[in-house]
N, C-alpha and C. Protein backbone atom coordinates (compact mmCIF):
# COMPACT_ATOMS: atom_id res chain seq x y z
N MET A 1 163.30 -84.28 -139.54
CA MET A 1 162.60 -84.62 -138.12
C MET A 1 161.62 -85.79 -137.66
N PRO A 2 162.30 -86.42 -136.74
CA PRO A 2 161.41 -87.54 -135.90
C PRO A 2 160.02 -87.12 -136.06
N GLU A 3 158.89 -88.59 -136.74
CA GLU A 3 157.78 -88.39 -136.29
C GLU A 3 157.35 -88.86 -135.36
N ASP A 4 158.13 -89.21 -134.49
CA ASP A 4 157.99 -89.79 -133.08
C ASP A 4 157.87 -88.80 -131.99
N PRO A 5 157.04 -88.68 -131.15
CA PRO A 5 156.90 -87.79 -130.21
C PRO A 5 157.58 -87.74 -129.46
N GLY A 6 157.64 -89.11 -129.11
CA GLY A 6 158.87 -89.72 -128.10
C GLY A 6 160.22 -89.60 -128.25
N ALA A 7 160.53 -89.39 -129.48
CA ALA A 7 161.70 -88.84 -130.16
C ALA A 7 162.38 -87.96 -129.19
N TRP A 8 161.78 -86.62 -129.14
CA TRP A 8 161.75 -85.35 -128.51
C TRP A 8 162.30 -85.91 -127.45
N GLN A 9 161.31 -86.62 -126.56
CA GLN A 9 161.55 -86.83 -125.04
C GLN A 9 162.78 -87.40 -124.54
N ARG A 10 163.45 -88.24 -125.67
CA ARG A 10 164.98 -88.72 -125.91
C ARG A 10 165.97 -87.74 -126.50
N GLY A 11 165.73 -86.87 -126.72
CA GLY A 11 166.69 -85.78 -127.18
C GLY A 11 166.98 -85.90 -128.71
N ILE A 12 166.10 -86.84 -129.97
CA ILE A 12 166.36 -86.88 -130.49
C ILE A 12 166.21 -85.93 -131.54
N VAL A 13 166.79 -85.38 -132.47
CA VAL A 13 166.65 -84.50 -133.63
C VAL A 13 166.49 -85.19 -134.92
N TRP A 14 167.24 -86.15 -135.55
CA TRP A 14 167.73 -86.66 -136.56
C TRP A 14 167.64 -87.82 -136.89
N ARG A 15 166.93 -88.89 -137.66
CA ARG A 15 166.88 -89.77 -137.68
C ARG A 15 167.04 -90.74 -139.08
N VAL A 16 167.73 -91.56 -139.21
CA VAL A 16 168.18 -91.85 -140.63
C VAL A 16 167.80 -93.27 -140.59
N GLN A 17 166.80 -93.78 -141.04
CA GLN A 17 166.16 -95.19 -141.61
C GLN A 17 166.69 -95.84 -142.98
N VAL A 18 167.55 -96.63 -142.76
CA VAL A 18 167.90 -97.65 -144.16
C VAL A 18 167.23 -98.76 -144.30
N GLN A 19 166.43 -98.93 -145.47
CA GLN A 19 165.82 -100.06 -145.74
C GLN A 19 166.36 -100.98 -147.22
N PRO A 20 167.57 -101.39 -146.75
CA PRO A 20 168.10 -102.05 -147.82
C PRO A 20 167.28 -103.25 -148.81
N ALA A 21 167.58 -103.31 -149.62
CA ALA A 21 166.67 -104.87 -150.54
C ALA A 21 167.35 -105.90 -150.27
N ASP A 22 168.28 -105.88 -149.82
CA ASP A 22 168.88 -106.95 -149.43
C ASP A 22 169.65 -107.28 -148.32
N ALA A 23 169.25 -106.59 -147.39
CA ALA A 23 169.63 -107.04 -145.58
C ALA A 23 168.92 -106.34 -144.87
N ASP A 24 169.21 -106.24 -143.79
CA ASP A 24 168.24 -106.14 -142.74
C ASP A 24 168.36 -104.34 -142.31
N ALA A 25 167.11 -104.33 -142.26
CA ALA A 25 166.47 -102.48 -142.17
C ALA A 25 167.64 -102.13 -140.73
N TRP A 26 168.01 -101.04 -140.78
CA TRP A 26 168.42 -100.09 -139.37
C TRP A 26 168.22 -98.92 -139.46
N THR A 27 168.26 -98.20 -138.13
CA THR A 27 168.40 -96.82 -137.55
C THR A 27 169.61 -96.38 -137.22
N GLN A 28 169.59 -95.17 -137.32
CA GLN A 28 170.34 -94.15 -136.63
C GLN A 28 170.06 -92.70 -136.20
N GLU A 29 170.35 -92.65 -134.77
CA GLU A 29 169.66 -91.24 -134.28
C GLU A 29 170.84 -90.61 -134.07
N PHE A 30 170.43 -89.25 -134.14
CA PHE A 30 171.26 -88.36 -133.62
C PHE A 30 170.57 -87.32 -132.91
N GLY A 31 171.26 -86.65 -131.51
CA GLY A 31 170.88 -85.93 -130.31
C GLY A 31 171.32 -84.55 -130.92
N ILE A 32 170.62 -83.67 -129.83
CA ILE A 32 170.27 -82.56 -130.09
C ILE A 32 171.54 -81.71 -130.15
N HIS A 33 172.70 -82.22 -129.66
CA HIS A 33 174.11 -81.47 -129.66
C HIS A 33 175.14 -81.73 -130.69
N THR A 34 174.22 -82.95 -131.45
CA THR A 34 175.13 -83.13 -132.88
C THR A 34 175.06 -81.99 -134.15
N PRO A 35 176.16 -81.99 -134.21
CA PRO A 35 176.06 -80.94 -135.26
C PRO A 35 175.63 -81.47 -136.57
N SER A 36 174.85 -80.35 -137.34
CA SER A 36 174.09 -80.71 -138.50
C SER A 36 175.13 -81.04 -139.80
N GLU A 37 176.30 -80.64 -139.84
CA GLU A 37 177.77 -81.02 -140.48
C GLU A 37 178.22 -82.33 -140.60
N ALA A 38 178.21 -83.02 -139.01
CA ALA A 38 178.60 -84.63 -138.66
C ALA A 38 177.01 -85.18 -139.37
N VAL A 39 175.75 -85.11 -139.36
CA VAL A 39 174.33 -85.61 -139.94
C VAL A 39 174.93 -85.87 -141.59
N ALA A 40 175.18 -84.69 -141.91
CA ALA A 40 175.39 -84.28 -143.65
C ALA A 40 176.88 -85.33 -143.89
N GLY A 41 177.87 -85.10 -143.17
CA GLY A 41 179.03 -86.21 -143.43
C GLY A 41 178.29 -87.53 -143.36
N PHE A 42 177.52 -88.02 -142.40
CA PHE A 42 177.10 -89.52 -142.04
C PHE A 42 176.36 -89.96 -143.74
N LEU A 43 175.30 -88.95 -144.25
CA LEU A 43 174.46 -89.16 -145.35
C LEU A 43 175.37 -89.00 -146.22
N ALA A 44 176.43 -88.35 -146.40
CA ALA A 44 177.63 -88.30 -147.58
C ALA A 44 178.30 -89.58 -147.82
N ALA A 45 178.72 -90.10 -146.68
CA ALA A 45 179.12 -91.41 -146.77
C ALA A 45 178.11 -92.30 -147.21
N LEU A 46 177.17 -92.29 -146.29
CA LEU A 46 176.04 -93.81 -147.01
C LEU A 46 175.85 -93.29 -148.42
N ILE A 47 176.02 -92.42 -149.17
CA ILE A 47 175.38 -91.93 -150.30
C ILE A 47 176.41 -92.70 -151.18
N ALA A 48 177.87 -92.32 -150.74
CA ALA A 48 179.29 -92.69 -151.52
C ALA A 48 179.28 -93.97 -151.40
N ASN A 49 178.47 -94.78 -150.23
CA ASN A 49 179.25 -96.24 -150.19
C ASN A 49 177.76 -97.02 -150.35
N PRO A 50 177.09 -96.88 -151.22
CA PRO A 50 175.79 -97.97 -151.12
C PRO A 50 175.72 -99.27 -151.03
N THR A 51 176.66 -99.82 -151.23
CA THR A 51 176.66 -100.98 -151.13
C THR A 51 177.55 -101.77 -149.74
N ARG A 52 177.93 -100.73 -148.97
CA ARG A 52 178.48 -101.63 -147.76
C ARG A 52 177.66 -101.53 -146.78
């Protein structure tokens, strides 16, 4: 769950923050209508391909 109270106001429920050692950090946010299975699939793809 986002720690940012403003995220709730924007409808953000899931936030993934990536901070690679050799690239720029990035964030992906998912709203209240995003199924948890979609977020799980996104995370699985990140874990399966850590160097991309």
